[in-house]
Each structure stands twice: as structure tokens, then as C-alpha cells.
């Protein structure tokens, strides 16, 4: 499956939102939140963003490998990323999401925390 939207990390400071990196789920047990694709740091919320080009699980996996993060099980990681991309399709660009893991840590559910703001239909004077 390919997608043109993907969750990014968000930081709020001085009423400005800043995106730092793309997010993926953890595959290890006992983790909470998303994992930063470059840094591996834990992030609680993600913002669904338009990324401008189609990507698939192999593209995301390649970025994960390039980041130098440890990958214990290649097949399980590819399956997780594929399932993640499928789940991301349920959300609209601008939605803020969080992630909840199953008790065994092998499955996850994406949860919408806030809808994207409504688009203004009025025109400027």
C-alpha cells in the first residue's frame, strides 16, 4: 500500500506548531507513544500531514535502517509498518492522533485526539 500522508511529531511553543520528524509505532513491549523515525525518541502525539509523494513500507523501513536504530526482527517490522500505513489512511490531514498498544505490545490502535480545524469558506475583503 502507498500513501501520501504520514504522521509527524509536533511541538507547541509560543502558539506555533513545529514538526520535527516522521513517526512510527514501537515494536518492543512496554513502550508508549510513537517512535521518531530519525531519532528513535518517544513522542506522545502525531499530526497527520501531507508529505507530497507516495511512499510505502519499504521506503519507511529504509529510513529506519538509515537512522541507525536497532531492528530486532525485519519481517515483523515490515508487517508493522505496512499495518501502520493502512491505519493512517482512516484519518484526515490535520488530525492529531495518539497510539495505544495491546497488552502484549505486538498490536496497536491509532486514536484520534483532535480533528483538523475546519477550513474557512470566507474570502478576504
Foldseek 3Di string as FASTA:
>chain_A
DKDQKFWFAWDADPNDIDTDATWACDQDPPDFATAGLQPRDHGFKTFIAGNPDIDALVVSVVSSVVSVDDDDDPVLSSVRRRVVVVLSVVADGGWMWGKDADNRSRDIHIGTPDHHDDDDPDDDD
